[in-house]
Amino acid sequence: MSVKEVNVVVALHQQAMVGHIVYGKDANGQDCLLSYLAQDKPLHRQVHRHACQLFEGKKIFVTAIKPYAKTLMSDIYIPEKYQVGELSIFECDLTALDANPFFEQIHDEGRVLSLLSHHQKVQRDRRAPELTS
């Protein structure tokens, strides 16, 4: 995925960067949300809301390489657009994603990592009996 016209939105607090949004367009003119991050949960919510405003009504690409991340994407009904090796590319409307009750709950509670960690543990536990047989 070749991205050009990269833009960066920086969230500052007393001249210190506390969050960012990086986005651009690919070779086909498709808008790409490349990254958004913030220092803590309240700031992350603000940055997330701003990203939703920037991409309102637009499709975005989301990448996932780990099986649990791919499962999470499937669980919230985001279709896989294509796959390159182990990397899966999902395409979704950020506004629709933000309106998804499951996504909203895990995002608002900051539980994405704990859910993914739980998923990994469940997968390990399922494999454990196979390894001891």
N, C-alpha and C. Protein backbone atom coordinates (compact mmCIF):
# COMPACT_ATOMS: atom_id res chain seq x y z
N MET A 1 0.86 -1.16 0.00
CA MET A 1 0.00 0.00 0.00
C MET A 1 0.91 1.23 0.00
N SER A 2 0.87 1.96 -1.07
CA SER A 2 1.67 3.18 -1.21
C SER A 2 0.81 4.37 -0.82
N VAL A 3 1.29 5.16 0.12
CA VAL A 3 0.52 6.30 0.60
C VAL A 3 1.26 7.59 0.28
N LYS A 4 0.50 8.53 -0.27
CA LYS A 4 1.06 9.85 -0.52
C LYS A 4 0.16 10.89 0.11
N GLU A 5 0.56 12.15 0.00
CA GLU A 5 -0.20 13.23 0.63
C GLU A 5 -0.44 12.96 2.11
N VAL A 6 0.61 12.59 2.83
CA VAL A 6 0.47 12.28 4.25
C VAL A 6 0.24 13.57 5.05
N ASN A 7 -0.73 13.51 5.94
CA ASN A 7 -1.06 14.62 6.83
C ASN A 7 -0.95 14.16 8.27
N VAL A 8 -0.55 15.06 9.15
CA VAL A 8 -0.42 14.74 10.57
C VAL A 8 -1.16 15.81 11.37
N VAL A 9 -2.04 15.36 12.25
CA VAL A 9 -2.71 16.24 13.20
C VAL A 9 -2.08 15.93 14.55
N VAL A 10 -1.60 16.96 15.23
CA VAL A 10 -0.91 16.77 16.50
C VAL A 10 -1.74 17.38 17.61
N ALA A 11 -1.94 16.63 18.69
CA ALA A 11 -2.61 17.14 19.88
C ALA A 11 -1.51 17.58 20.84
N LEU A 12 -1.57 18.84 21.23
CA LEU A 12 -0.55 19.41 22.11
C LEU A 12 -1.15 19.81 23.46
N HIS A 13 -0.33 19.68 24.49
CA HIS A 13 -0.67 20.20 25.81
C HIS A 13 0.59 20.86 26.35
N GLN A 14 0.55 22.15 26.53
CA GLN A 14 1.70 22.93 26.99
C GLN A 14 2.95 22.61 26.16
N GLN A 15 2.78 22.67 24.86
CA GLN A 15 3.86 22.46 23.88
C GLN A 15 4.40 21.03 23.83
N ALA A 16 3.77 20.10 24.52
CA ALA A 16 4.17 18.69 24.47
C ALA A 16 3.14 17.92 23.64
N MET A 17 3.63 17.04 22.77
CA MET A 17 2.72 16.23 21.96
C MET A 17 2.11 15.13 22.83
N VAL A 18 0.79 15.11 22.90
CA VAL A 18 0.09 14.12 23.72
C VAL A 18 -0.79 13.19 22.88
N GLY A 19 -0.83 13.43 21.57
CA GLY A 19 -1.61 12.57 20.68
C GLY A 19 -1.38 12.96 19.23
N HIS A 20 -1.80 12.06 18.34
CA HIS A 20 -1.64 12.35 16.91
C HIS A 20 -2.65 11.58 16.08
N ILE A 21 -2.86 12.07 14.86
CA ILE A 21 -3.59 11.36 13.82
C ILE A 21 -2.73 11.49 12.56
N VAL A 22 -2.45 10.36 11.92
CA VAL A 22 -1.70 10.38 10.66
C VAL A 22 -2.61 9.78 9.60
N TYR A 23 -2.79 10.49 8.51
CA TYR A 23 -3.65 10.00 7.43
C TYR A 23 -3.12 10.50 6.09
N GLY A 24 -3.61 9.89 5.03
CA GLY A 24 -3.19 10.29 3.70
C GLY A 24 -4.06 9.63 2.65
N LYS A 25 -3.56 9.59 1.42
CA LYS A 25 -4.27 8.95 0.31
C LYS A 25 -3.33 7.95 -0.34
N ASP A 26 -3.90 6.82 -0.76
CA ASP A 26 -3.08 5.85 -1.47
C ASP A 26 -3.01 6.21 -2.95
N ALA A 27 -2.34 5.39 -3.74
CA ALA A 27 -2.14 5.68 -5.17
C ALA A 27 -3.46 5.79 -5.93
N ASN A 28 -4.54 5.18 -5.41
CA ASN A 28 -5.85 5.23 -6.07
C ASN A 28 -6.73 6.36 -5.54
N GLY A 29 -6.19 7.18 -4.64
CA GLY A 29 -6.98 8.28 -4.08
C GLY A 29 -7.82 7.87 -2.89
N GLN A 30 -7.66 6.63 -2.41
CA GLN A 30 -8.41 6.14 -1.25
C GLN A 30 -7.84 6.78 0.01
N ASP A 31 -8.72 7.33 0.85
CA ASP A 31 -8.29 7.88 2.12
C ASP A 31 -7.81 6.76 3.03
N CYS A 32 -6.69 6.97 3.69
CA CYS A 32 -6.11 5.96 4.57
C CYS A 32 -5.84 6.57 5.94
N LEU A 33 -6.45 6.03 6.97
CA LEU A 33 -6.15 6.41 8.34
C LEU A 33 -4.99 5.52 8.76
N LEU A 34 -3.82 6.09 8.91
CA LEU A 34 -2.62 5.30 9.16
C LEU A 34 -2.39 5.04 10.63
N SER A 35 -2.68 6.03 11.45
CA SER A 35 -2.41 5.87 12.87
C SER A 35 -3.13 6.95 13.65
N TYR A 36 -3.61 6.59 14.82
CA TYR A 36 -4.02 7.61 15.78
C TYR A 36 -3.80 7.06 17.17
N LEU A 37 -3.27 7.92 18.01
CA LEU A 37 -2.84 7.49 19.34
C LEU A 37 -2.89 8.68 20.27
N ALA A 38 -3.07 8.42 21.55
CA ALA A 38 -3.03 9.48 22.55
C ALA A 38 -2.46 8.93 23.85
N GLN A 39 -2.06 9.84 24.69
CA GLN A 39 -1.35 9.49 25.91
C GLN A 39 -2.19 8.77 26.95
N ASP A 40 -3.46 9.11 27.05
CA ASP A 40 -4.30 8.45 28.05
C ASP A 40 -5.72 8.31 27.49
N LYS A 41 -6.57 7.67 28.27
CA LYS A 41 -7.92 7.34 27.80
C LYS A 41 -8.76 8.58 27.43
N PRO A 42 -8.84 9.61 28.29
CA PRO A 42 -9.63 10.79 27.91
C PRO A 42 -9.11 11.46 26.63
N LEU A 43 -7.80 11.57 26.50
CA LEU A 43 -7.22 12.16 25.28
C LEU A 43 -7.49 11.26 24.07
N HIS A 44 -7.42 9.95 24.28
CA HIS A 44 -7.67 9.02 23.17
C HIS A 44 -9.09 9.19 22.65
N ARG A 45 -10.04 9.38 23.55
CA ARG A 45 -11.42 9.60 23.13
C ARG A 45 -11.53 10.86 22.28
N GLN A 46 -10.84 11.93 22.68
CA GLN A 46 -10.88 13.17 21.91
C GLN A 46 -10.25 12.98 20.54
N VAL A 47 -9.10 12.31 20.49
CA VAL A 47 -8.42 12.06 19.22
C VAL A 47 -9.29 11.16 18.34
N HIS A 48 -9.91 10.15 18.95
CA HIS A 48 -10.80 9.25 18.21
C HIS A 48 -11.97 10.04 17.60
N ARG A 49 -12.58 10.91 18.38
CA ARG A 49 -13.70 11.72 17.87
C ARG A 49 -13.25 12.60 16.71
N HIS A 50 -12.05 13.17 16.83
CA HIS A 50 -11.54 14.01 15.74
C HIS A 50 -11.29 13.17 14.49
N ALA A 51 -10.73 11.96 14.66
CA ALA A 51 -10.52 11.07 13.51
C ALA A 51 -11.85 10.73 12.86
N CYS A 52 -12.88 10.50 13.67
CA CYS A 52 -14.22 10.21 13.12
C CYS A 52 -14.74 11.40 12.33
N GLN A 53 -14.48 12.62 12.79
CA GLN A 53 -14.91 13.81 12.05
C GLN A 53 -14.15 13.91 10.73
N LEU A 54 -12.84 13.67 10.77
CA LEU A 54 -12.03 13.75 9.55
C LEU A 54 -12.48 12.73 8.50
N PHE A 55 -12.91 11.56 8.97
CA PHE A 55 -13.26 10.47 8.05
C PHE A 55 -14.76 10.19 8.01
N GLU A 56 -15.56 11.14 8.43
CA GLU A 56 -17.01 10.94 8.43
C GLU A 56 -17.51 10.56 7.04
N GLY A 57 -18.20 9.43 6.98
CA GLY A 57 -18.76 8.95 5.72
C GLY A 57 -17.75 8.37 4.74
N LYS A 58 -16.50 8.23 5.16
CA LYS A 58 -15.46 7.70 4.27
C LYS A 58 -15.07 6.29 4.72
N LYS A 59 -14.57 5.53 3.77
CA LYS A 59 -14.06 4.20 4.07
C LYS A 59 -12.60 4.32 4.48
N ILE A 60 -12.19 3.47 5.42
CA ILE A 60 -10.79 3.43 5.83
C ILE A 60 -10.29 1.99 5.74
N PHE A 61 -8.99 1.85 5.65
CA PHE A 61 -8.36 0.54 5.71
C PHE A 61 -7.82 0.31 7.11
N VAL A 62 -8.00 -0.91 7.60
CA VAL A 62 -7.45 -1.32 8.89
C VAL A 62 -6.64 -2.57 8.62
N THR A 63 -5.42 -2.63 9.14
CA THR A 63 -4.59 -3.81 8.92
C THR A 63 -4.53 -4.65 10.19
N ALA A 64 -4.39 -5.95 10.00
CA ALA A 64 -4.26 -6.87 11.13
C ALA A 64 -3.35 -8.01 10.71
N ILE A 65 -2.42 -8.35 11.58
CA ILE A 65 -1.51 -9.45 11.27
C ILE A 65 -1.69 -10.61 12.26
N LYS A 66 -2.07 -10.29 13.48
CA LYS A 66 -2.24 -11.32 14.51
C LYS A 66 -3.62 -11.96 14.39
N PRO A 67 -3.69 -13.28 14.62
CA PRO A 67 -4.99 -13.96 14.50
C PRO A 67 -6.07 -13.37 15.40
N TYR A 68 -5.71 -12.98 16.62
CA TYR A 68 -6.73 -12.43 17.52
C TYR A 68 -7.25 -11.08 17.02
N ALA A 69 -6.39 -10.28 16.38
CA ALA A 69 -6.85 -9.00 15.82
C ALA A 69 -7.78 -9.26 14.64
N LYS A 70 -7.44 -10.27 13.83
CA LYS A 70 -8.31 -10.62 12.70
C LYS A 70 -9.67 -11.11 13.20
N THR A 71 -9.65 -11.88 14.29
CA THR A 71 -10.90 -12.37 14.87
C THR A 71 -11.74 -11.22 15.38
N LEU A 72 -11.08 -10.26 16.04
CA LEU A 72 -11.80 -9.10 16.54
C LEU A 72 -12.48 -8.36 15.39
N MET A 73 -11.77 -8.17 14.29
CA MET A 73 -12.35 -7.48 13.14
C MET A 73 -13.57 -8.24 12.61
N SER A 74 -13.45 -9.55 12.54
CA SER A 74 -14.59 -10.36 12.08
C SER A 74 -15.75 -10.28 13.06
N ASP A 75 -15.43 -10.28 14.36
CA ASP A 75 -16.47 -10.24 15.39
C ASP A 75 -17.29 -8.96 15.33
N ILE A 76 -16.69 -7.88 14.85
CA ILE A 76 -17.45 -6.63 14.75
C ILE A 76 -17.87 -6.37 13.30
N TYR A 77 -17.90 -7.45 12.52
CA TYR A 77 -18.46 -7.46 11.16
C TYR A 77 -17.76 -6.50 10.19
N ILE A 78 -16.45 -6.47 10.26
CA ILE A 78 -15.69 -5.71 9.28
C ILE A 78 -15.14 -6.71 8.26
N PRO A 79 -15.53 -6.58 7.01
CA PRO A 79 -15.11 -7.57 6.01
C PRO A 79 -13.64 -7.41 5.61
N GLU A 80 -12.98 -8.54 5.40
CA GLU A 80 -11.61 -8.52 4.91
C GLU A 80 -11.65 -8.16 3.42
N LYS A 81 -10.90 -7.14 3.03
CA LYS A 81 -10.88 -6.72 1.63
C LYS A 81 -9.90 -7.58 0.83
N TYR A 82 -8.69 -7.76 1.36
CA TYR A 82 -7.72 -8.64 0.72
C TYR A 82 -6.64 -9.00 1.72
N GLN A 83 -5.78 -9.92 1.31
CA GLN A 83 -4.71 -10.41 2.17
C GLN A 83 -3.41 -10.41 1.39
N VAL A 84 -2.33 -9.99 2.06
CA VAL A 84 -1.00 -10.00 1.50
C VAL A 84 -0.13 -10.77 2.48
N GLY A 85 0.19 -12.01 2.13
CA GLY A 85 0.92 -12.85 3.07
C GLY A 85 0.09 -13.04 4.33
N GLU A 86 0.70 -12.74 5.49
CA GLU A 86 -0.01 -12.87 6.77
C GLU A 86 -0.84 -11.63 7.11
N LEU A 87 -0.66 -10.56 6.36
CA LEU A 87 -1.33 -9.29 6.64
C LEU A 87 -2.71 -9.26 5.99
N SER A 88 -3.73 -9.04 6.81
CA SER A 88 -5.09 -8.88 6.31
C SER A 88 -5.45 -7.41 6.28
N ILE A 89 -6.09 -6.99 5.20
CA ILE A 89 -6.52 -5.61 5.05
C ILE A 89 -8.04 -5.60 5.11
N PHE A 90 -8.57 -4.84 6.05
CA PHE A 90 -10.01 -4.72 6.22
C PHE A 90 -10.42 -3.32 5.79
N GLU A 91 -11.62 -3.20 5.25
CA GLU A 91 -12.13 -1.89 4.85
C GLU A 91 -13.44 -1.64 5.56
N CYS A 92 -13.55 -0.46 6.15
CA CYS A 92 -14.80 -0.14 6.84
C CYS A 92 -15.05 1.35 6.82
N ASP A 93 -16.26 1.70 7.14
CA ASP A 93 -16.67 3.08 7.30
C ASP A 93 -16.46 3.42 8.78
N LEU A 94 -15.62 4.39 9.07
CA LEU A 94 -15.30 4.73 10.46
C LEU A 94 -16.53 5.15 11.24
N THR A 95 -17.47 5.83 10.58
CA THR A 95 -18.70 6.25 11.25
C THR A 95 -19.51 5.02 11.66
N ALA A 96 -19.61 4.03 10.76
CA ALA A 96 -20.35 2.80 11.08
C ALA A 96 -19.64 2.02 12.18
N LEU A 97 -18.31 1.98 12.10
CA LEU A 97 -17.54 1.28 13.13
C LEU A 97 -17.78 1.93 14.49
N ASP A 98 -17.74 3.24 14.53
CA ASP A 98 -17.93 3.96 15.78
C ASP A 98 -19.34 3.76 16.34
N ALA A 99 -20.32 3.50 15.46
CA ALA A 99 -21.70 3.27 15.89
C ALA A 99 -21.95 1.83 16.32
N ASN A 100 -20.99 0.93 16.08
CA ASN A 100 -21.14 -0.47 16.45
C ASN A 100 -21.12 -0.58 17.98
N PRO A 101 -22.18 -1.12 18.61
CA PRO A 101 -22.24 -1.18 20.07
C PRO A 101 -21.08 -1.97 20.70
N PHE A 102 -20.65 -3.06 20.05
CA PHE A 102 -19.55 -3.85 20.59
C PHE A 102 -18.26 -3.04 20.56
N PHE A 103 -17.98 -2.39 19.42
CA PHE A 103 -16.79 -1.55 19.31
C PHE A 103 -16.86 -0.41 20.32
N GLU A 104 -18.02 0.21 20.41
CA GLU A 104 -18.19 1.33 21.35
C GLU A 104 -17.89 0.90 22.78
N GLN A 105 -18.38 -0.28 23.17
CA GLN A 105 -18.16 -0.76 24.54
C GLN A 105 -16.68 -1.02 24.80
N ILE A 106 -16.02 -1.76 23.91
CA ILE A 106 -14.61 -2.07 24.18
C ILE A 106 -13.74 -0.83 24.04
N HIS A 107 -14.12 0.08 23.16
CA HIS A 107 -13.34 1.32 23.01
C HIS A 107 -13.53 2.22 24.23
N ASP A 108 -14.78 2.43 24.64
CA ASP A 108 -15.05 3.30 25.79
C ASP A 108 -14.45 2.76 27.08
N GLU A 109 -14.48 1.44 27.23
CA GLU A 109 -13.95 0.85 28.45
C GLU A 109 -12.45 0.59 28.35
N GLY A 110 -11.88 0.84 27.18
CA GLY A 110 -10.45 0.59 27.01
C GLY A 110 -10.10 -0.88 27.15
N ARG A 111 -11.01 -1.75 26.73
CA ARG A 111 -10.85 -3.18 26.96
C ARG A 111 -10.33 -3.94 25.77
N VAL A 112 -9.93 -3.28 24.70
CA VAL A 112 -9.48 -4.00 23.51
C VAL A 112 -8.34 -4.94 23.85
N LEU A 113 -7.32 -4.44 24.53
CA LEU A 113 -6.17 -5.29 24.84
C LEU A 113 -6.53 -6.41 25.80
N SER A 114 -7.39 -6.13 26.78
CA SER A 114 -7.76 -7.20 27.71
C SER A 114 -8.58 -8.26 26.99
N LEU A 115 -9.45 -7.86 26.06
CA LEU A 115 -10.22 -8.85 25.29
C LEU A 115 -9.30 -9.67 24.39
N LEU A 116 -8.34 -9.00 23.76
CA LEU A 116 -7.41 -9.72 22.90
C LEU A 116 -6.55 -10.66 23.72
N SER A 117 -6.11 -10.23 24.90
CA SER A 117 -5.32 -11.10 25.77
C SER A 117 -6.13 -12.30 26.22
N HIS A 118 -7.41 -12.07 26.54
CA HIS A 118 -8.29 -13.18 26.92
C HIS A 118 -8.43 -14.17 25.76
N HIS A 119 -8.60 -13.63 24.55
CA HIS A 119 -8.72 -14.49 23.37
C HIS A 119 -7.46 -15.35 23.20
N GLN A 120 -6.29 -14.75 23.40
CA GLN A 120 -5.04 -15.50 23.29
C GLN A 120 -5.01 -16.62 24.33
N LYS A 121 -5.42 -16.32 25.57
CA LYS A 121 -5.42 -17.33 26.62
C LYS A 121 -6.36 -18.48 26.27
N VAL A 122 -7.55 -18.14 25.77
CA VAL A 122 -8.50 -19.18 25.37
C VAL A 122 -7.88 -20.06 24.29
N GLN A 123 -7.23 -19.44 23.30
CA GLN A 123 -6.59 -20.22 22.22
C GLN A 123 -5.49 -21.11 22.78
N ARG A 124 -4.67 -20.59 23.70
CA ARG A 124 -3.59 -21.40 24.32
C ARG A 124 -4.19 -22.57 25.08
N ASP A 125 -5.26 -22.30 25.85
CA ASP A 125 -5.89 -23.36 26.64
C ASP A 125 -6.47 -24.45 25.74
N ARG A 126 -7.00 -24.06 24.59
CA ARG A 126 -7.54 -25.05 23.64
C ARG A 126 -6.43 -25.92 23.07
N ARG A 127 -5.27 -25.31 22.85
CA ARG A 127 -4.14 -26.06 22.27
C ARG A 127 -3.43 -26.91 23.32
N ALA A 128 -3.50 -26.54 24.58
CA ALA A 128 -2.78 -27.23 25.65
C ALA A 128 -3.08 -28.74 25.70
N PRO A 129 -4.35 -29.18 25.64
CA PRO A 129 -4.61 -30.62 25.67
C PRO A 129 -3.97 -31.36 24.48
N GLU A 130 -3.91 -30.69 23.33
CA GLU A 130 -3.30 -31.31 22.15
C GLU A 130 -1.81 -31.53 22.37
N LEU A 131 -1.18 -30.62 23.06
CA LEU A 131 0.27 -30.70 23.29
C LEU A 131 0.63 -31.78 24.30
N THR A 132 -0.27 -32.05 25.25
CA THR A 132 0.02 -33.04 26.29
C THR A 132 -0.36 -34.46 25.87
N SER A 133 -1.09 -34.60 24.80
CA SER A 133 -1.54 -35.93 24.35
C SER A 133 -0.40 -36.70 23.71
